[in-house]
């Protein structure tokens, strides 16, 4: 996530992963504090202690979207996908003809170790 790809400037106040009902963190810019809320993807609103608020209502109150509140399982899933992408790149690099046998062996070892890192705990 970077300033250039999230939040989506065309959809202010809409959470990351808007098609999934889940917890998210909002930023109260005036109070400089964070608030945990629940996003209801079917109703497309946040459930807060002051009621149900749409993304545009959140923005009009000078709140900003901060981040999704990920579960340990979601974090492990994201890390596993990232490890797989890294291992695939190392594998691709190892297959290049420009490497000697020692370098190829080192790259294959690195690929195997990346794939076997396991889940975060």
C-alpha atoms as a PDB file:
ATOM      1  CA  UNK A   1       0.000   0.000   0.000  1.00  0.00           C
ATOM      2  CA  UNK A   2       1.378   3.399  -0.996  1.00  0.00           C
ATOM      3  CA  UNK A   3       0.075   6.940  -1.192  1.00  0.00           C
ATOM      4  CA  UNK A   4      -0.388   6.437  -4.933  1.00  0.00           C
ATOM      5  CA  UNK A   5      -2.539   3.287  -4.863  1.00  0.00           C
ATOM      6  CA  UNK A   6      -4.560   3.570  -1.658  1.00  0.00           C
ATOM      7  CA  UNK A   7      -6.853   5.088  -0.638  1.00  0.00           C
ATOM      8  CA  UNK A   8      -8.517   5.242  -4.019  1.00  0.00           C
ATOM      9  CA  UNK A   9      -9.019   8.955  -4.829  1.00  0.00           C
ATOM     10  CA  UNK A  10     -12.064   8.032  -6.933  1.00  0.00           C
ATOM     11  CA  UNK A  11     -13.755   6.365  -3.932  1.00  0.00           C
ATOM     12  CA  UNK A  12     -13.041   8.492  -0.841  1.00  0.00           C
ATOM     13  CA  UNK A  13     -13.685   6.778   2.477  1.00  0.00           C
ATOM     14  CA  UNK A  14     -14.129   3.320   0.947  1.00  0.00           C
ATOM     15  CA  UNK A  15     -12.037   0.700   2.749  1.00  0.00           C
ATOM     16  CA  UNK A  16      -9.429  -1.576   1.288  1.00  0.00           C
ATOM     17  CA  UNK A  17     -11.121  -4.883   0.336  1.00  0.00           C
ATOM     18  CA  UNK A  18     -14.586  -3.230   0.129  1.00  0.00           C
ATOM     19  CA  UNK A  19     -16.220  -6.476  -1.026  1.00  0.00           C
ATOM     20  CA  UNK A  20     -15.614  -8.146   2.353  1.00  0.00           C
ATOM     21  CA  UNK A  21     -17.329  -7.331   5.650  1.00  0.00           C
ATOM     22  CA  UNK A  22     -14.534  -6.860   8.174  1.00  0.00           C
ATOM     23  CA  UNK A  23     -12.961  -4.579  10.753  1.00  0.00           C
ATOM     24  CA  UNK A  24     -11.052  -1.491   9.649  1.00  0.00           C
ATOM     25  CA  UNK A  25      -9.277   1.397  11.314  1.00  0.00           C
ATOM     26  CA  UNK A  26     -10.293   4.999  10.649  1.00  0.00           C
ATOM     27  CA  UNK A  27      -8.243   8.099  11.427  1.00  0.00           C
ATOM     28  CA  UNK A  28      -9.981  10.963  13.235  1.00  0.00           C
ATOM     29  CA  UNK A  29      -7.919  13.838  11.847  1.00  0.00           C
ATOM     30  CA  UNK A  30      -9.208  16.473  14.295  1.00  0.00           C
ATOM     31  CA  UNK A  31      -8.578  14.425  17.430  1.00  0.00           C
ATOM     32  CA  UNK A  32      -5.512  12.686  15.975  1.00  0.00           C
ATOM     33  CA  UNK A  33      -6.808   9.314  17.073  1.00  0.00           C
ATOM     34  CA  UNK A  34      -7.681   5.963  15.533  1.00  0.00           C
ATOM     35  CA  UNK A  35     -11.050   4.203  15.698  1.00  0.00           C
ATOM     36  CA  UNK A  36     -11.828   0.533  15.077  1.00  0.00           C
ATOM     37  CA  UNK A  37     -15.041   0.130  13.058  1.00  0.00           C
ATOM     38  CA  UNK A  38     -16.843  -2.613  11.152  1.00  0.00           C
ATOM     39  CA  UNK A  39     -17.441  -2.346   7.393  1.00  0.00           C
ATOM     40  CA  UNK A  40     -20.681  -3.956   6.201  1.00  0.00           C
ATOM     41  CA  UNK A  41     -20.022  -4.695   2.535  1.00  0.00           C
ATOM     42  CA  UNK A  42     -23.661  -5.495   1.725  1.00  0.00           C
ATOM     43  CA  UNK A  43     -24.964  -2.175   3.073  1.00  0.00           C
ATOM     44  CA  UNK A  44     -21.750  -0.335   2.130  1.00  0.00           C
ATOM     45  CA  UNK A  45     -21.458   1.506   5.413  1.00  0.00           C
ATOM     46  CA  UNK A  46     -19.362   1.526   8.570  1.00  0.00           C
ATOM     47  CA  UNK A  47     -20.904   0.410  11.853  1.00  0.00           C
ATOM     48  CA  UNK A  48     -19.722   2.767  14.605  1.00  0.00           C
ATOM     49  CA  UNK A  49     -20.770   3.657  18.136  1.00  0.00           C
ATOM     50  CA  UNK A  50     -22.576   6.725  16.732  1.00  0.00           C
ATOM     51  CA  UNK A  51     -24.465   4.729  14.122  1.00  0.00           C
ATOM     52  CA  UNK A  52     -24.098   3.668  10.542  1.00  0.00           C
ATOM     53  CA  UNK A  53     -21.935   5.933   8.401  1.00  0.00           C
ATOM     54  CA  UNK A  54     -21.311   5.827   4.665  1.00  0.00           C
ATOM     55  CA  UNK A  55     -17.835   6.450   3.264  1.00  0.00           C
ATOM     56  CA  UNK A  56     -18.832   9.973   2.193  1.00  0.00           C
ATOM     57  CA  UNK A  57     -20.170  10.730   5.694  1.00  0.00           C
ATOM     58  CA  UNK A  58     -16.859   9.548   7.156  1.00  0.00           C
ATOM     59  CA  UNK A  59     -14.958  11.908   4.841  1.00  0.00           C
ATOM     60  CA  UNK A  60     -17.300  14.833   5.588  1.00  0.00           C
ATOM     61  CA  UNK A  61     -16.602  14.361   9.315  1.00  0.00           C
ATOM     62  CA  UNK A  62     -12.859  14.783   8.571  1.00  0.00           C
ATOM     63  CA  UNK A  63     -12.096  11.141   9.171  1.00  0.00           C
ATOM     64  CA  UNK A  64      -9.807   9.200   6.889  1.00  0.00           C
ATOM     65  CA  UNK A  65      -9.353   5.562   6.069  1.00  0.00           C
ATOM     66  CA  UNK A  66      -6.268   4.258   7.871  1.00  0.00           C
ATOM     67  CA  UNK A  67      -5.966   0.487   7.305  1.00  0.00           C
ATOM     68  CA  UNK A  68      -7.703  -2.876   7.412  1.00  0.00           C
ATOM     69  CA  UNK A  69      -7.568  -4.674  10.770  1.00  0.00           C
ATOM     70  CA  UNK A  70      -6.153  -7.982   9.559  1.00  0.00           C
ATOM     71  CA  UNK A  71      -6.430 -11.252  11.449  1.00  0.00           C
ATOM     72  CA  UNK A  72      -3.355 -13.441  11.999  1.00  0.00           C
ATOM     73  CA  UNK A  73      -4.713 -15.873   9.380  1.00  0.00           C
ATOM     74  CA  UNK A  74      -5.048 -13.066   6.807  1.00  0.00           C
ATOM     75  CA  UNK A  75      -1.528 -11.849   7.551  1.00  0.00           C
ATOM     76  CA  UNK A  76      -0.141 -15.381   7.165  1.00  0.00           C
ATOM     77  CA  UNK A  77      -1.998 -15.764   3.865  1.00  0.00           C
ATOM     78  CA  UNK A  78      -0.551 -12.498   2.548  1.00  0.00           C
ATOM     79  CA  UNK A  79       2.957 -13.421   3.685  1.00  0.00           C
ATOM     80  CA  UNK A  80       2.695 -16.857   2.072  1.00  0.00           C
ATOM     81  CA  UNK A  81       1.634 -15.284  -1.233  1.00  0.00           C
ATOM     82  CA  UNK A  82       4.534 -12.813  -1.053  1.00  0.00           C
ATOM     83  CA  UNK A  83       7.028 -15.595  -0.268  1.00  0.00           C
ATOM     84  CA  UNK A  84       5.724 -17.554  -3.253  1.00  0.00           C
ATOM     85  CA  UNK A  85       6.203 -14.549  -5.551  1.00  0.00           C
ATOM     86  CA  UNK A  86       9.755 -14.065  -4.233  1.00  0.00           C
ATOM     87  CA  UNK A  87      10.613 -17.745  -4.653  1.00  0.00           C
ATOM     88  CA  UNK A  88       9.241 -17.704  -8.208  1.00  0.00           C
ATOM     89  CA  UNK A  89      11.481 -14.734  -9.067  1.00  0.00           C
ATOM     90  CA  UNK A  90      14.545 -16.454  -7.573  1.00  0.00           C
ATOM     91  CA  UNK A  91      13.678 -19.616  -9.524  1.00  0.00           C
ATOM     92  CA  UNK A  92      13.320 -17.605 -12.726  1.00  0.00           C
ATOM     93  CA  UNK A  93      16.684 -15.928 -12.103  1.00  0.00           C
ATOM     94  CA  UNK A  94      18.351 -19.287 -11.323  1.00  0.00           C
ATOM     95  CA  UNK A  95      17.273 -20.665 -14.707  1.00  0.00           C
ATOM     96  CA  UNK A  96      19.089 -17.893 -16.595  1.00  0.00           C
ATOM     97  CA  UNK A  97      22.017 -19.213 -18.634  1.00  0.00           C
ATOM     98  CA  UNK A  98      24.436 -16.522 -17.473  1.00  0.00           C
ATOM     99  CA  UNK A  99      25.020 -18.088 -14.036  1.00  0.00           C
ATOM    100  CA  UNK A 100      27.675 -20.621 -13.177  1.00  0.00           C
ATOM    101  CA  UNK A 101      26.870 -23.887 -11.411  1.00  0.00           C
ATOM    102  CA  UNK A 102      27.748 -22.494  -7.959  1.00  0.00           C
ATOM    103  CA  UNK A 103      25.483 -19.482  -8.408  1.00  0.00           C
ATOM    104  CA  UNK A 104      22.622 -21.643  -9.709  1.00  0.00           C
ATOM    105  CA  UNK A 105      22.974 -23.955  -6.697  1.00  0.00           C
ATOM    106  CA  UNK A 106      22.933 -20.969  -4.320  1.00  0.00           C
ATOM    107  CA  UNK A 107      19.838 -19.572  -6.017  1.00  0.00           C
ATOM    108  CA  UNK A 108      18.022 -22.928  -5.892  1.00  0.00           C
ATOM    109  CA  UNK A 109      18.902 -23.196  -2.187  1.00  0.00           C
ATOM    110  CA  UNK A 110      17.558 -19.674  -1.599  1.00  0.00           C
ATOM    111  CA  UNK A 111      14.356 -20.542  -3.488  1.00  0.00           C
ATOM    112  CA  UNK A 112      13.820 -23.632  -1.330  1.00  0.00           C
ATOM    113  CA  UNK A 113      14.474 -21.712   1.886  1.00  0.00           C
ATOM    114  CA  UNK A 114      12.042 -18.943   0.908  1.00  0.00           C
ATOM    115  CA  UNK A 115       9.302 -21.485   0.166  1.00  0.00           C
ATOM    116  CA  UNK A 116       9.868 -23.191   3.527  1.00  0.00           C
ATOM    117  CA  UNK A 117       9.864 -20.111   5.768  1.00  0.00           C
ATOM    118  CA  UNK A 118       6.487 -21.053   7.243  1.00  0.00           C
ATOM    119  CA  UNK A 119       3.862 -18.834   8.779  1.00  0.00           C
ATOM    120  CA  UNK A 120       4.479 -15.783  10.918  1.00  0.00           C
ATOM    121  CA  UNK A 121       3.979 -16.390  14.609  1.00  0.00           C
END
